[in-house]
Amino acid sequence: MTQRTYPQGVPCWIDTGQPDVEAAAVFYAGIFGWTFEDAMPAGAPGRYLIAKLDGQDVAGVASTQGAAAWSTYVSVEDADVAVQRLVAAGAAVRTAPADAGEGGRSAALTDPEGAEFRIWQARRRFGAQVVNQPGAWNFSDLHTPTPGAAIKFYEDAFGWQVDDLGFAMMIRRPGYGDHLEATVDPGIRARQSGLAAPPGFEDAIAWIATTAPAEPSRWHVSFTVADRDQTVVDAERLGAQVLSQNDTEWTRTALIRDPQGAEFTASQFTPPSG
């Protein structure tokens, strides 16, 4: 099987920092069916679990002394060079580039509007190996009160392009669809054509949502689920709080705060064609 890889500028990985890693593993196993592999050597400070679906990497769960939250990583070819470029574009460094074992090298930054994101220089771990399937990562969305300023930064930083579709703003990494078609998803264009997807959707990597002026900018993570209502029931049973639910022509979603406070969206795909 061809391993999924991510060109520079494409979001490639997500993880969540949690004060109680074991409790988080129980919760996410209960709603998404994840199993876990411990990625940290014995005796190392902290914990880092690789979450898996059918043996394939989908996300990470890390120990933290701070507030629980989900983070999104963008693929880069060289983390040290990328940090220099991103700082020149207006980003601030939260955590300097550092090796994550043999898996790769990462750094944490904030964009000029204050939204934290991370970068990932892959070595042995290329990123999420299962996406857009029930229990796996769907998209990350940039929530910001100032889309114009955010768009300018990310276009300069990663070569992204943003299309205003009227109902939403779609972020594209030009050429990503070609990469997918040549590697893990040869039928991507035919499949999306059958769904009447918007032009350029094969290059879609993220979305922008406009928040209220007082809300902080942030990156938000969504997961694909087979049944939004069942996910809501399972999440509440396992101690989460369901903050809102929303139905559109294309999706049925729920905004969920996990038992330790990290927020995410569960999204059931319900296209007009059924």
C-alpha atoms as a PDB file:
ATOM      1  CA  MET A   1       0.000   0.000   0.000  1.00  0.00           C
ATOM      2  CA  THR A   2       1.315   3.457  -0.906  1.00  0.00           C
ATOM      3  CA  GLN A   3       2.046   5.473   2.209  1.00  0.00           C
ATOM      4  CA  ARG A   4       0.303   8.839   2.389  1.00  0.00           C
ATOM      5  CA  THR A   5       2.742  11.747   2.150  1.00  0.00           C
ATOM      6  CA  TYR A   6       2.257  15.493   2.364  1.00  0.00           C
ATOM      7  CA  PRO A   7       3.902  18.116   0.154  1.00  0.00           C
ATOM      8  CA  GLN A   8       5.242  21.270   1.767  1.00  0.00           C
ATOM      9  CA  GLY A   9       2.435  23.602   2.819  1.00  0.00           C
ATOM     10  CA  VAL A  10      -0.197  20.899   3.384  1.00  0.00           C
ATOM     11  CA  PRO A  11      -1.575  20.256   6.900  1.00  0.00           C
ATOM     12  CA  CYS A  12      -0.291  16.786   7.746  1.00  0.00           C
ATOM     13  CA  TRP A  13      -0.868  15.941  11.408  1.00  0.00           C
ATOM     14  CA  ILE A  14      -2.925  16.769  14.464  1.00  0.00           C
ATOM     15  CA  ASP A  15      -2.425  16.057  18.118  1.00  0.00           C
ATOM     16  CA  THR A  16      -3.945  17.028  21.427  1.00  0.00           C
ATOM     17  CA  GLY A  17      -2.213  17.998  24.632  1.00  0.00           C
ATOM     18  CA  GLN A  18      -4.021  16.518  27.634  1.00  0.00           C
ATOM     19  CA  PRO A  19      -3.260  16.756  31.387  1.00  0.00           C
ATOM     20  CA  ASP A  20      -4.338  13.107  31.806  1.00  0.00           C
ATOM     21  CA  VAL A  21      -3.211  11.121  28.767  1.00  0.00           C
ATOM     22  CA  GLU A  22      -4.744   7.833  29.902  1.00  0.00           C
ATOM     23  CA  ALA A  23      -8.156   9.416  30.480  1.00  0.00           C
ATOM     24  CA  ALA A  24      -7.982  11.069  27.045  1.00  0.00           C
ATOM     25  CA  ALA A  25      -7.148   7.727  25.440  1.00  0.00           C
ATOM     26  CA  VAL A  26     -10.218   6.158  27.036  1.00  0.00           C
ATOM     27  CA  PHE A  27     -12.449   8.973  25.792  1.00  0.00           C
ATOM     28  CA  TYR A  28     -11.224   9.017  22.180  1.00  0.00           C
ATOM     29  CA  ALA A  29     -11.166   5.245  21.951  1.00  0.00           C
ATOM     30  CA  GLY A  30     -14.798   5.334  23.063  1.00  0.00           C
ATOM     31  CA  ILE A  31     -16.024   7.772  20.414  1.00  0.00           C
ATOM     32  CA  PHE A  32     -13.679   7.072  17.483  1.00  0.00           C
ATOM     33  CA  GLY A  33     -12.543   3.473  18.031  1.00  0.00           C
ATOM     34  CA  TRP A  34      -8.881   4.432  18.298  1.00  0.00           C
ATOM     35  CA  THR A  35      -6.148   2.164  19.573  1.00  0.00           C
ATOM     36  CA  PHE A  36      -2.845   3.550  20.818  1.00  0.00           C
ATOM     37  CA  GLU A  37       0.880   3.012  20.503  1.00  0.00           C
ATOM     38  CA  ASP A  38       3.273   4.613  23.000  1.00  0.00           C
ATOM     39  CA  ALA A  39       5.827   6.597  21.005  1.00  0.00           C
ATOM     40  CA  MET A  40       8.004   7.667  23.940  1.00  0.00           C
ATOM     41  CA  PRO A  41      10.826   5.444  25.212  1.00  0.00           C
ATOM     42  CA  ALA A  42      10.601   4.092  28.751  1.00  0.00           C
ATOM     43  CA  GLY A  43      11.751   6.622  31.324  1.00  0.00           C
ATOM     44  CA  ALA A  44      11.310   9.635  29.028  1.00  0.00           C
ATOM     45  CA  PRO A  45       9.578  12.687  30.520  1.00  0.00           C
ATOM     46  CA  GLY A  46       5.990  13.057  29.384  1.00  0.00           C
ATOM     47  CA  ARG A  47       3.831  10.791  27.261  1.00  0.00           C
ATOM     48  CA  TYR A  48       3.043  10.730  23.548  1.00  0.00           C
ATOM     49  CA  LEU A  49       0.580   8.221  22.156  1.00  0.00           C
ATOM     50  CA  ILE A  50       0.003   7.590  18.454  1.00  0.00           C
ATOM     51  CA  ALA A  51      -3.705   6.997  17.855  1.00  0.00           C
ATOM     52  CA  LYS A  52      -4.525   4.422  15.185  1.00  0.00           C
ATOM     53  CA  LEU A  53      -7.467   3.199  13.116  1.00  0.00           C
ATOM     54  CA  ASP A  54      -7.022  -0.278  11.640  1.00  0.00           C
ATOM     55  CA  GLY A  55      -3.318  -0.002  12.442  1.00  0.00           C
ATOM     56  CA  GLN A  56      -2.838   3.313  10.597  1.00  0.00           C
ATOM     57  CA  ASP A  57      -1.736   6.563  12.275  1.00  0.00           C
ATOM     58  CA  VAL A  58      -4.500   9.142  12.685  1.00  0.00           C
ATOM     59  CA  ALA A  59      -3.505  11.549  15.503  1.00  0.00           C
ATOM     60  CA  GLY A  60      -1.390  12.041  18.606  1.00  0.00           C
ATOM     61  CA  VAL A  61      -2.193  12.422  22.309  1.00  0.00           C
ATOM     62  CA  ALA A  62       0.492  14.182  24.336  1.00  0.00           C
ATOM     63  CA  SER A  63       0.853  15.000  28.001  1.00  0.00           C
ATOM     64  CA  THR A  64       0.727  18.693  28.900  1.00  0.00           C
ATOM     65  CA  GLN A  65       0.742  20.793  32.023  1.00  0.00           C
ATOM     66  CA  GLY A  66      -1.329  23.442  30.276  1.00  0.00           C
ATOM     67  CA  ALA A  67      -4.901  23.528  29.028  1.00  0.00           C
ATOM     68  CA  ALA A  68      -6.128  20.689  26.837  1.00  0.00           C
ATOM     69  CA  ALA A  69      -6.283  21.630  23.157  1.00  0.00           C
ATOM     70  CA  TRP A  70      -5.922  20.264  19.619  1.00  0.00           C
ATOM     71  CA  SER A  71      -3.026  21.402  17.403  1.00  0.00           C
ATOM     72  CA  THR A  72      -2.559  21.312  13.624  1.00  0.00           C
ATOM     73  CA  TYR A  73       0.797  20.724  11.910  1.00  0.00           C
ATOM     74  CA  VAL A  74       1.749  21.921   8.415  1.00  0.00           C
ATOM     75  CA  SER A  75       4.292  19.939   6.394  1.00  0.00           C
ATOM     76  CA  VAL A  76       7.609  21.634   5.600  1.00  0.00           C
ATOM     77  CA  GLU A  77      10.776  20.365   3.942  1.00  0.00           C
ATOM     78  CA  ASP A  78      13.123  21.932   6.509  1.00  0.00           C
ATOM     79  CA  ALA A  79      11.784  23.096   9.879  1.00  0.00           C
ATOM     80  CA  ASP A  80      14.677  25.454  10.624  1.00  0.00           C
ATOM     81  CA  VAL A  81      14.465  27.167   7.246  1.00  0.00           C
ATOM     82  CA  ALA A  82      10.680  27.306   7.507  1.00  0.00           C
ATOM     83  CA  VAL A  83      10.814  29.045  10.892  1.00  0.00           C
ATOM     84  CA  GLN A  84      13.056  31.757   9.452  1.00  0.00           C
ATOM     85  CA  ARG A  85      10.647  32.245   6.542  1.00  0.00           C
ATOM     86  CA  LEU A  86       7.570  32.293   8.781  1.00  0.00           C
ATOM     87  CA  VAL A  87       9.074  34.788  11.220  1.00  0.00           C
ATOM     88  CA  ALA A  88       9.957  37.049   8.291  1.00  0.00           C
ATOM     89  CA  ALA A  89       6.301  36.828   7.210  1.00  0.00           C
ATOM     90  CA  GLY A  90       5.126  37.933  10.671  1.00  0.00           C
ATOM     91  CA  ALA A  91       4.869  34.763  12.784  1.00  0.00           C
ATOM     92  CA  ALA A  92       6.182  34.434  16.333  1.00  0.00           C
ATOM     93  CA  VAL A  93       8.022  31.363  17.612  1.00  0.00           C
ATOM     94  CA  ARG A  94       6.441  29.558  20.558  1.00  0.00           C
ATOM     95  CA  THR A  95       8.751  26.533  20.529  1.00  0.00           C
ATOM     96  CA  ALA A  96      11.987  26.415  18.537  1.00  0.00           C
ATOM     97  CA  PRO A  97      12.589  23.549  16.094  1.00  0.00           C
ATOM     98  CA  ALA A  98      13.395  20.303  17.876  1.00  0.00           C
ATOM     99  CA  ASP A  99      13.632  16.645  16.944  1.00  0.00           C
ATOM    100  CA  ALA A 100      10.714  14.388  17.858  1.00  0.00           C
ATOM    101  CA  GLY A 101      12.739  11.206  18.103  1.00  0.00           C
ATOM    102  CA  GLU A 102      13.295   9.617  14.707  1.00  0.00           C
ATOM    103  CA  GLY A 103       9.829  10.642  13.516  1.00  0.00           C
ATOM    104  CA  GLY A 104      10.666  14.151  12.430  1.00  0.00           C
ATOM    105  CA  ARG A 105      11.359  17.707  13.542  1.00  0.00           C
ATOM    106  CA  SER A 106       8.765  20.230  14.655  1.00  0.00           C
ATOM    107  CA  ALA A 107       8.235  23.768  15.924  1.00  0.00           C
ATOM    108  CA  ALA A 108       5.283  25.752  17.261  1.00  0.00           C
ATOM    109  CA  LEU A 109       4.445  29.276  16.123  1.00  0.00           C
ATOM    110  CA  THR A 110       1.637  31.804  16.213  1.00  0.00           C
ATOM    111  CA  ASP A 111       0.440  33.713  13.172  1.00  0.00           C
ATOM    112  CA  PRO A 112       0.187  37.534  13.286  1.00  0.00           C
ATOM    113  CA  GLU A 113      -3.415  37.261  14.539  1.00  0.00           C
ATOM    114  CA  GLY A 114      -2.405  34.994  17.441  1.00  0.00           C
ATOM    115  CA  ALA A 115      -3.520  31.575  16.164  1.00  0.00           C
ATOM    116  CA  GLU A 116      -1.061  28.829  17.102  1.00  0.00           C
ATOM    117  CA  PHE A 117       0.023  26.326  14.481  1.00  0.00           C
ATOM    118  CA  ARG A 118       2.868  23.877  14.212  1.00  0.00           C
ATOM    119  CA  ILE A 119       5.177  22.710  11.442  1.00  0.00           C
ATOM    120  CA  TRP A 120       6.410  19.191  10.769  1.00  0.00           C
ATOM    121  CA  GLN A 121       9.512  18.083   8.897  1.00  0.00           C
ATOM    122  CA  ALA A 122       8.838  14.407   8.297  1.00  0.00           C
ATOM    123  CA  ARG A 123      11.452  11.718   8.634  1.00  0.00           C
ATOM    124  CA  ARG A 124      10.011   8.341   9.631  1.00  0.00           C
ATOM    125  CA  ARG A 125       6.477   9.596  10.332  1.00  0.00           C
ATOM    126  CA  PHE A 126       4.918  11.347   7.339  1.00  0.00           C
ATOM    127  CA  GLY A 127       1.672  12.394   9.027  1.00  0.00           C
ATOM    128  CA  ALA A 128      -1.866  11.047   9.276  1.00  0.00           C
ATOM    129  CA  GLN A 129      -2.198   7.863   7.236  1.00  0.00           C
ATOM    130  CA  VAL A 130      -6.006   7.704   7.373  1.00  0.00           C
ATOM    131  CA  VAL A 131      -8.150  10.797   6.767  1.00  0.00           C
ATOM    132  CA  ASN A 132     -11.753  11.581   5.788  1.00  0.00           C
ATOM    133  CA  GLN A 133     -13.039   8.281   7.144  1.00  0.00           C
ATOM    134  CA  PRO A 134     -15.234   7.789  10.228  1.00  0.00           C
ATOM    135  CA  GLY A 135     -13.054   8.301  13.281  1.00  0.00           C
ATOM    136  CA  ALA A 136     -10.298  10.129  11.367  1.00  0.00           C
ATOM    137  CA  TRP A 137      -9.291  13.742  10.780  1.00  0.00           C
ATOM    138  CA  ASN A 138     -11.453  15.569   8.269  1.00  0.00           C
ATOM    139  CA  PHE A 139     -10.154  19.163   8.059  1.00  0.00           C
ATOM    140  CA  SER A 140      -8.616  21.858  10.217  1.00  0.00           C
ATOM    141  CA  ASP A 141     -10.285  25.269  10.069  1.00  0.00           C
ATOM    142  CA  LEU A 142      -8.764  28.652  10.816  1.00  0.00           C
ATOM    143  CA  HIS A 143     -11.162  30.618  13.021  1.00  0.00           C
ATOM    144  CA  THR A 144     -10.288  34.313  12.913  1.00  0.00           C
ATOM    145  CA  PRO A 145     -12.073  37.678  13.259  1.00  0.00           C
ATOM    146  CA  THR A 146      -9.799  39.155  10.545  1.00  0.00           C
ATOM    147  CA  PRO A 147      -9.791  36.824   7.521  1.00  0.00           C
ATOM    148  CA  GLY A 148      -8.104  39.356   5.236  1.00  0.00           C
ATOM    149  CA  ALA A 149      -4.999  39.677   7.399  1.00  0.00           C
ATOM    150  CA  ALA A 150      -4.861  35.940   8.013  1.00  0.00           C
ATOM    151  CA  ILE A 151      -5.165  35.142   4.310  1.00  0.00           C
ATOM    152  CA  LYS A 152      -2.289  37.452   3.423  1.00  0.00           C
ATOM    153  CA  PHE A 153       0.001  35.810   5.981  1.00  0.00           C
ATOM    154  CA  TYR A 154      -0.721  32.226   4.952  1.00  0.00           C
ATOM    155  CA  GLU A 155      -0.556  32.987   1.250  1.00  0.00           C
ATOM    156  CA  ASP A 156       2.921  34.445   1.777  1.00  0.00           C
ATOM    157  CA  ALA A 157       3.976  31.772   4.265  1.00  0.00           C
ATOM    158  CA  PHE A 158       2.844  28.587   2.531  1.00  0.00           C
ATOM    159  CA  GLY A 159       1.684  29.524  -0.965  1.00  0.00           C
ATOM    160  CA  TRP A 160      -1.959  28.931  -0.089  1.00  0.00           C
ATOM    161  CA  GLN A 161      -4.838  30.317  -2.137  1.00  0.00           C
ATOM    162  CA  VAL A 162      -8.258  31.154  -0.716  1.00  0.00           C
ATOM    163  CA  ASP A 163     -11.512  30.868  -2.671  1.00  0.00           C
ATOM    164  CA  ASP A 164     -14.620  32.606  -1.353  1.00  0.00           C
ATOM    165  CA  LEU A 165     -17.423  30.165  -2.189  1.00  0.00           C
ATOM    166  CA  GLY A 166     -20.114  32.373  -0.703  1.00  0.00           C
ATOM    167  CA  PHE A 167     -21.091  29.895   1.981  1.00  0.00           C
ATOM    168  CA  ALA A 168     -17.464  29.374   3.102  1.00  0.00           C
ATOM    169  CA  MET A 169     -13.842  30.277   2.375  1.00  0.00           C
ATOM    170  CA  MET A 170     -11.830  27.330   1.079  1.00  0.00           C
ATOM    171  CA  ILE A 171      -8.033  27.185   1.439  1.00  0.00           C
ATOM    172  CA  ARG A 172      -6.214  25.418  -1.377  1.00  0.00           C
ATOM    173  CA  ARG A 173      -2.622  24.301  -1.820  1.00  0.00           C
ATOM    174  CA  PRO A 174      -2.272  24.339  -5.616  1.00  0.00           C
ATOM    175  CA  GLY A 175      -0.998  21.014  -6.921  1.00  0.00           C
ATOM    176  CA  TYR A 176      -2.122  18.957  -3.950  1.00  0.00           C
ATOM    177  CA  GLY A 177      -4.808  17.253  -6.008  1.00  0.00           C
ATOM    178  CA  ASP A 178      -2.168  16.203  -8.536  1.00  0.00           C
ATOM    179  CA  HIS A 179      -0.116  14.730  -5.691  1.00  0.00           C
ATOM    180  CA  LEU A 180      -3.086  12.783  -4.333  1.00  0.00           C
ATOM    181  CA  GLU A 181      -4.054  11.536  -7.781  1.00  0.00           C
ATOM    182  CA  ALA A 182      -0.505  10.276  -8.373  1.00  0.00           C
ATOM    183  CA  THR A 183      -0.192   8.573  -4.982  1.00  0.00           C
ATOM    184  CA  VAL A 184      -3.018   7.443  -2.684  1.00  0.00           C
ATOM    185  CA  ASP A 185      -6.197   8.669  -4.403  1.00  0.00           C
ATOM    186  CA  PRO A 186      -6.161   8.165  -8.201  1.00  0.00           C
ATOM    187  CA  GLY A 187      -9.939   8.608  -8.459  1.00  0.00           C
ATOM    188  CA  ILE A 188     -10.181  11.868  -6.538  1.00  0.00           C
ATOM    189  CA  ARG A 189     -11.269  14.085  -9.429  1.00  0.00           C
ATOM    190  CA  ALA A 190     -13.854  11.650 -10.792  1.00  0.00           C
ATOM    191  CA  ARG A 191     -15.320  11.130  -7.336  1.00  0.00           C
ATOM    192  CA  GLN A 192     -15.560  14.831  -6.571  1.00  0.00           C
ATOM    193  CA  SER A 193     -17.055  15.548  -9.984  1.00  0.00           C
ATOM    194  CA  GLY A 194     -19.853  13.117  -9.161  1.00  0.00           C
ATOM    195  CA  LEU A 195     -20.585  15.095  -5.994  1.00  0.00           C
ATOM    196  CA  ALA A 196     -20.626  18.461  -7.825  1.00  0.00           C
ATOM    197  CA  ALA A 197     -17.802  19.669  -5.604  1.00  0.00           C
ATOM    198  CA  PRO A 198     -16.635  23.265  -6.111  1.00  0.00           C
ATOM    199  CA  PRO A 199     -13.840  23.878  -8.643  1.00  0.00           C
ATOM    200  CA  GLY A 200     -10.407  23.246  -7.153  1.00  0.00           C
ATOM    201  CA  PHE A 201     -11.745  21.097  -4.318  1.00  0.00           C
ATOM    202  CA  GLU A 202      -9.105  18.447  -5.035  1.00  0.00           C
ATOM    203  CA  ASP A 203      -6.555  20.992  -3.735  1.00  0.00           C
ATOM    204  CA  ALA A 204      -8.580  21.869  -0.605  1.00  0.00           C
ATOM    205  CA  ILE A 205      -6.567  21.605   2.608  1.00  0.00           C
ATOM    206  CA  ALA A 206      -8.477  23.763   5.125  1.00  0.00           C
ATOM    207  CA  TRP A 207     -11.249  26.315   5.622  1.00  0.00           C
ATOM    208  CA  ILE A 208     -11.557  29.784   7.135  1.00  0.00           C
ATOM    209  CA  ALA A 209     -14.377  30.687   9.505  1.00  0.00           C
ATOM    210  CA  THR A 210     -15.007  34.278  10.591  1.00  0.00           C
ATOM    211  CA  THR A 211     -15.438  34.634  14.341  1.00  0.00           C
ATOM    212  CA  ALA A 212     -16.914  37.431  16.412  1.00  0.00           C
ATOM    213  CA  PRO A 213     -14.519  40.369  16.974  1.00  0.00           C
ATOM    214  CA  ALA A 214     -13.880  39.429  20.615  1.00  0.00           C
ATOM    215  CA  GLU A 215     -13.062  35.784  19.875  1.00  0.00           C
ATOM    216  CA  PRO A 216      -9.380  34.816  19.651  1.00  0.00           C
ATOM    217  CA  SER A 217      -7.930  33.430  16.441  1.00  0.00           C
ATOM    218  CA  ARG A 218      -7.278  29.688  16.544  1.00  0.00           C
ATOM    219  CA  TRP A 219      -6.962  26.520  14.499  1.00  0.00           C
ATOM    220  CA  HIS A 220      -9.865  24.127  15.032  1.00  0.00           C
ATOM    221  CA  VAL A 221      -9.964  20.393  14.215  1.00  0.00           C
ATOM    222  CA  SER A 222     -12.866  18.413  12.677  1.00  0.00           C
ATOM    223  CA  PHE A 223     -13.289  14.646  12.538  1.00  0.00           C
ATOM    224  CA  THR A 224     -15.384  12.589  10.145  1.00  0.00           C
ATOM    225  CA  VAL A 225     -18.106  10.490  11.785  1.00  0.00           C
ATOM    226  CA  ALA A 226     -20.606   8.072  10.320  1.00  0.00           C
ATOM    227  CA  ASP A 227     -23.479   9.238  12.527  1.00  0.00           C
ATOM    228  CA  ARG A 228     -23.403  12.658  14.191  1.00  0.00           C
ATOM    229  CA  ASP A 229     -26.252  11.838  16.570  1.00  0.00           C
ATOM    230  CA  GLN A 230     -24.632   8.628  17.800  1.00  0.00           C
ATOM    231  CA  THR A 231     -21.338  10.462  18.291  1.00  0.00           C
ATOM    232  CA  VAL A 232     -23.148  13.044  20.428  1.00  0.00           C
ATOM    233  CA  VAL A 233     -24.665  10.289  22.565  1.00  0.00           C
ATOM    234  CA  ASP A 234     -21.291   8.567  22.963  1.00  0.00           C
ATOM    235  CA  ALA A 235     -19.464  11.814  23.763  1.00  0.00           C
ATOM    236  CA  GLU A 236     -21.928  12.791  26.478  1.00  0.00           C
ATOM    237  CA  ARG A 237     -21.876   9.292  27.956  1.00  0.00           C
ATOM    238  CA  LEU A 238     -18.082   9.523  28.198  1.00  0.00           C
ATOM    239  CA  GLY A 239     -18.150  12.889  29.968  1.00  0.00           C
ATOM    240  CA  ALA A 240     -17.893  15.426  27.135  1.00  0.00           C
ATOM    241  CA  GLN A 241     -20.025  18.536  26.687  1.00  0.00           C
ATOM    242  CA  VAL A 242     -21.867  19.090  23.404  1.00  0.00           C
ATOM    243  CA  LEU A 243     -21.702  22.839  22.798  1.00  0.00           C
ATOM    244  CA  SER A 244     -23.784  23.072  19.622  1.00  0.00           C
ATOM    245  CA  GLN A 245     -25.151  21.152  16.645  1.00  0.00           C
ATOM    246  CA  ASN A 246     -25.690  22.324  13.089  1.00  0.00           C
ATOM    247  CA  ASP A 247     -27.169  20.875   9.887  1.00  0.00           C
ATOM    248  CA  THR A 248     -26.315  22.160   6.404  1.00  0.00           C
ATOM    249  CA  GLU A 249     -26.862  20.918   2.873  1.00  0.00           C
ATOM    250  CA  TRP A 250     -23.547  19.035   3.054  1.00  0.00           C
ATOM    251  CA  THR A 251     -22.904  18.170   6.702  1.00  0.00           C
ATOM    252  CA  ARG A 252     -24.406  17.424  10.114  1.00  0.00           C
ATOM    253  CA  THR A 253     -21.988  18.622  12.774  1.00  0.00           C
ATOM    254  CA  ALA A 254     -21.556  18.859  16.525  1.00  0.00           C
ATOM    255  CA  LEU A 255     -19.110  21.054  18.412  1.00  0.00           C
ATOM    256  CA  ILE A 256     -17.813  19.018  21.354  1.00  0.00           C
ATOM    257  CA  ARG A 257     -15.642  19.854  24.359  1.00  0.00           C
ATOM    258  CA  ASP A 258     -13.891  16.719  25.595  1.00  0.00           C
ATOM    259  CA  PRO A 259     -13.764  15.905  29.333  1.00  0.00           C
ATOM    260  CA  GLN A 260     -10.479  17.796  29.799  1.00  0.00           C
ATOM    261  CA  GLY A 261     -11.518  20.843  27.775  1.00  0.00           C
ATOM    262  CA  ALA A 262     -10.197  20.380  24.222  1.00  0.00           C
ATOM    263  CA  GLU A 263     -12.768  21.352  21.589  1.00  0.00           C
ATOM    264  CA  PHE A 264     -13.334  19.663  18.226  1.00  0.00           C
ATOM    265  CA  THR A 265     -16.075  19.170  15.661  1.00  0.00           C
ATOM    266  CA  ALA A 266     -17.649  15.850  14.689  1.00  0.00           C
ATOM    267  CA  SER A 267     -18.846  16.053  11.077  1.00  0.00           C
ATOM    268  CA  GLN A 268     -21.125  13.649   9.208  1.00  0.00           C
ATOM    269  CA  PHE A 269     -20.939  14.106   5.421  1.00  0.00           C
ATOM    270  CA  THR A 270     -24.455  14.382   3.941  1.00  0.00           C
ATOM    271  CA  PRO A 271     -24.086  15.612   0.340  1.00  0.00           C
ATOM    272  CA  PRO A 272     -27.171  16.665  -1.643  1.00  0.00           C
ATOM    273  CA  SER A 273     -26.924  13.457  -3.675  1.00  0.00           C
ATOM    274  CA  GLY A 274     -27.448  11.488  -0.456  1.00  0.00           C
END
